[in-house]
């Protein structure tokens, strides 16, 4: 099973720079070990405010207990809080591998079908959405899609995309057949130095 983990680090006041550098170096080594084991799949940095230390990680684990063991083994955990979102397979997930070099974006979609919409209209829109997802994957824009847990504050679907910039990403979202029924939150991602994809 895959999990998206939002990792927020708060360094205690008075911590020496040497201690910070040491634990960050050990974190990088441990990240490499976890990637080699197949537990750590990706790492990104979302937009940050001054003084913020936050990382998004995509992890694989058999269950929540195993994931906790993985997270607890990371040196920065002593200063970090983790927010875990379990991810389920999405029927339109192309399952493409990472392709470093082009900016990536996470999208969270919340789909609300208007009351009274006839079933055949909904079925047609979903079929066109699946076809469009396949087309965008073929163009290298859509890498992954996951279903979020019911009632998740982010929405019902999470996507990982590649686009030249935010404008192109916006145009891609607007081209989705379900877009009129979706609210979308897009997060631009920047590379993380310990991202397994960057390591090869």
Protein backbone atom coordinates (compact mmCIF):
# COMPACT_ATOMS: atom_id res chain seq x y z
CA UNK A 1 0.00 0.00 0.00
CA UNK A 2 1.14 3.56 -0.67
CA UNK A 3 1.01 6.51 1.70
CA UNK A 4 1.51 10.25 1.30
CA UNK A 5 3.27 11.63 4.37
CA UNK A 6 3.52 15.33 5.16
CA UNK A 7 6.61 15.68 7.35
CA UNK A 8 6.99 18.90 9.34
CA UNK A 9 10.24 19.48 11.23
CA UNK A 10 10.69 21.96 14.07
CA UNK A 11 14.26 22.29 15.32
CA UNK A 12 14.34 23.06 19.06
CA UNK A 13 15.62 26.51 20.02
CA UNK A 14 19.27 26.45 20.98
CA UNK A 15 20.18 23.50 18.76
CA UNK A 16 23.65 24.00 17.32
CA UNK A 17 24.15 24.15 13.56
CA UNK A 18 26.56 21.23 13.87
CA UNK A 19 23.82 19.08 15.42
CA UNK A 20 21.39 20.13 12.68
CA UNK A 21 23.91 19.31 9.95
CA UNK A 22 24.70 15.94 11.54
CA UNK A 23 21.09 14.81 11.81
CA UNK A 24 20.32 16.00 8.28
CA UNK A 25 23.29 14.01 6.96
CA UNK A 26 22.08 10.90 8.81
CA UNK A 27 18.56 11.50 7.45
CA UNK A 28 19.91 11.56 3.89
CA UNK A 29 21.75 8.27 4.44
CA UNK A 30 18.65 6.66 5.95
CA UNK A 31 16.49 7.93 3.09
CA UNK A 32 18.85 6.21 0.65
CA UNK A 33 18.58 2.96 2.61
CA UNK A 34 14.77 3.15 2.68
CA UNK A 35 14.68 3.84 -1.06
CA UNK A 36 16.89 0.81 -1.71
CA UNK A 37 14.48 -1.30 0.37
CA UNK A 38 11.49 -0.02 -1.63
CA UNK A 39 9.92 1.74 1.36
CA UNK A 40 10.61 5.30 0.23
CA UNK A 41 9.39 6.00 -3.30
CA UNK A 42 9.56 9.79 -3.67
CA UNK A 43 10.38 13.00 -1.75
CA UNK A 44 9.36 16.55 -2.64
CA UNK A 45 9.35 20.02 -1.14
CA UNK A 46 6.07 21.93 -1.30
CA UNK A 47 6.04 25.73 -1.23
CA UNK A 48 7.44 26.90 2.12
CA UNK A 49 7.14 30.02 4.19
CA UNK A 50 10.30 31.49 5.77
CA UNK A 51 11.60 29.27 8.55
CA UNK A 52 9.39 26.31 7.53
CA UNK A 53 10.81 22.81 7.18
CA UNK A 54 8.32 20.59 5.40
CA UNK A 55 8.66 17.59 3.08
CA UNK A 56 6.15 15.44 1.22
CA UNK A 57 7.03 11.77 0.96
CA UNK A 58 5.52 8.86 -0.94
CA UNK A 59 6.07 5.64 0.97
CA UNK A 60 5.17 1.98 0.44
CA UNK A 61 4.36 -0.32 3.36
CA UNK A 62 2.27 -3.41 4.02
CA UNK A 63 0.15 -1.53 6.55
CA UNK A 64 0.09 1.47 8.88
CA UNK A 65 2.13 -0.36 11.51
CA UNK A 66 4.97 -1.09 9.11
CA UNK A 67 4.87 2.49 7.86
CA UNK A 68 5.23 3.77 11.43
CA UNK A 69 8.33 1.57 11.87
CA UNK A 70 9.81 3.11 8.71
CA UNK A 71 9.04 6.68 9.78
CA UNK A 72 10.33 6.09 13.30
CA UNK A 73 13.65 4.86 11.87
CA UNK A 74 14.38 8.23 10.25
CA UNK A 75 16.75 10.44 12.29
CA UNK A 76 14.73 13.66 11.84
CA UNK A 77 11.73 12.01 13.51
CA UNK A 78 13.01 13.33 16.85
CA UNK A 79 12.08 16.85 15.67
CA UNK A 80 9.32 15.95 13.23
CA UNK A 81 5.58 15.37 13.16
CA UNK A 82 4.11 13.24 10.38
CA UNK A 83 0.65 13.48 8.86
CA UNK A 84 -0.16 10.24 7.03
CA UNK A 85 -2.71 9.88 4.22
CA UNK A 86 -3.33 6.31 3.02
CA UNK A 87 -3.68 6.08 -0.76
CA UNK A 88 -5.77 3.50 -2.61
CA UNK A 89 -5.47 2.49 -6.27
CA UNK A 90 -7.45 4.62 -8.72
CA UNK A 91 -8.96 2.95 -11.80
CA UNK A 92 -7.37 5.58 -14.10
CA UNK A 93 -3.87 5.37 -12.53
CA UNK A 94 -1.31 4.97 -15.33
CA UNK A 95 1.34 3.89 -12.80
CA UNK A 96 4.14 5.64 -14.68
CA UNK A 97 7.63 5.92 -13.17
CA UNK A 98 9.07 9.33 -12.25
CA UNK A 99 10.71 11.34 -15.02
CA UNK A 100 13.04 13.91 -13.47
CA UNK A 101 13.69 17.16 -15.28
CA UNK A 102 10.20 18.61 -15.70
CA UNK A 103 8.34 20.34 -12.83
CA UNK A 104 5.88 18.16 -10.94
CA UNK A 105 2.55 19.04 -9.32
CA UNK A 106 0.18 17.33 -6.91
CA UNK A 107 -3.52 17.89 -7.44
CA UNK A 108 -6.28 17.08 -4.98
CA UNK A 109 -9.70 16.82 -6.63
CA UNK A 110 -13.02 16.97 -4.81
CA UNK A 111 -15.80 15.88 -7.17
CA UNK A 112 -19.39 16.95 -6.54
CA UNK A 113 -21.96 15.78 -9.06
CA UNK A 114 -24.89 18.21 -9.23
CA UNK A 115 -28.10 16.86 -7.77
CA UNK A 116 -30.45 15.56 -10.44
CA UNK A 117 -27.74 14.79 -13.00
CA UNK A 118 -28.95 11.78 -15.01
CA UNK A 119 -26.95 8.58 -14.51
CA UNK A 120 -26.05 8.21 -18.21
CA UNK A 121 -24.60 11.74 -18.22
CA UNK A 122 -22.42 10.87 -15.21
CA UNK A 123 -21.33 7.57 -16.79
CA UNK A 124 -20.43 9.35 -20.03
CA UNK A 125 -18.39 11.99 -18.21
CA UNK A 126 -16.51 9.33 -16.23
CA UNK A 127 -15.76 7.38 -19.43
CA UNK A 128 -14.45 10.53 -21.11
CA UNK A 129 -12.39 11.30 -17.98
CA UNK A 130 -10.76 7.85 -18.17
CA UNK A 131 -9.96 8.34 -21.85
CA UNK A 132 -8.51 11.80 -21.19
CA UNK A 133 -6.39 10.45 -18.31
CA UNK A 134 -4.96 7.81 -20.65
CA UNK A 135 -4.24 10.48 -23.26
CA UNK A 136 -2.49 12.74 -20.73
CA UNK A 137 -0.43 9.81 -19.45
CA UNK A 138 0.63 9.07 -23.03
CA UNK A 139 1.77 12.69 -23.36
CA UNK A 140 3.84 12.33 -20.17
CA UNK A 141 1.71 14.72 -18.10
CA UNK A 142 -0.12 12.30 -15.80
CA UNK A 143 2.17 10.01 -13.80
CA UNK A 144 -0.05 8.69 -10.98
CA UNK A 145 -3.61 8.82 -9.64
CA UNK A 146 -4.79 7.61 -6.23
CA UNK A 147 -8.14 7.46 -4.46
CA UNK A 148 -8.16 9.31 -1.14
CA UNK A 149 -9.96 7.97 1.95
CA UNK A 150 -13.65 8.79 2.18
CA UNK A 151 -14.17 12.09 3.96
CA UNK A 152 -10.57 13.25 3.45
CA UNK A 153 -10.34 17.03 3.68
CA UNK A 154 -8.25 17.15 0.48
CA UNK A 155 -10.94 15.57 -1.71
CA UNK A 156 -11.49 12.19 -3.33
CA UNK A 157 -8.60 11.91 -5.80
CA UNK A 158 -4.89 12.75 -5.68
CA UNK A 159 -2.83 13.12 -8.84
CA UNK A 160 0.87 13.48 -9.65
CA UNK A 161 1.53 15.43 -12.84
CA UNK A 162 4.32 16.91 -14.96
CA UNK A 163 3.94 20.28 -16.69
CA UNK A 164 6.20 23.09 -17.85
CA UNK A 165 4.68 25.55 -15.38
CA UNK A 166 1.56 26.42 -13.41
CA UNK A 167 -0.18 27.81 -16.49
CA UNK A 168 0.19 24.54 -18.37
CA UNK A 169 -0.94 22.63 -15.30
CA UNK A 170 -4.03 24.81 -15.09
CA UNK A 171 -4.80 24.14 -18.75
CA UNK A 172 -4.43 20.39 -18.20
CA UNK A 173 -6.90 20.45 -15.30
CA UNK A 174 -9.34 22.55 -17.33
CA UNK A 175 -9.21 19.93 -20.10
CA UNK A 176 -10.54 17.17 -17.83
CA UNK A 177 -14.16 16.22 -18.59
CA UNK A 178 -15.01 16.19 -14.86
CA UNK A 179 -13.51 19.65 -14.29
CA UNK A 180 -16.91 21.42 -14.19
CA UNK A 181 -17.83 19.20 -11.23
CA UNK A 182 -14.49 19.38 -9.43
CA UNK A 183 -12.80 21.75 -7.06
CA UNK A 184 -9.05 21.42 -7.43
CA UNK A 185 -6.12 22.26 -5.18
CA UNK A 186 -2.77 22.24 -6.98
CA UNK A 187 0.56 22.12 -5.15
CA UNK A 188 3.74 22.86 -7.13
CA UNK A 189 6.58 20.58 -6.07
CA UNK A 190 10.30 21.25 -6.04
CA UNK A 191 12.96 18.54 -6.03
CA UNK A 192 14.22 17.19 -2.72
CA UNK A 193 17.94 16.36 -2.54
CA UNK A 194 17.13 12.88 -1.17
CA UNK A 195 14.41 12.06 -3.71
CA UNK A 196 14.99 8.48 -4.91
CA UNK A 197 13.99 9.53 -8.44
CA UNK A 198 16.86 12.04 -8.56
CA UNK A 199 19.24 9.28 -7.49
CA UNK A 200 18.34 7.24 -10.52
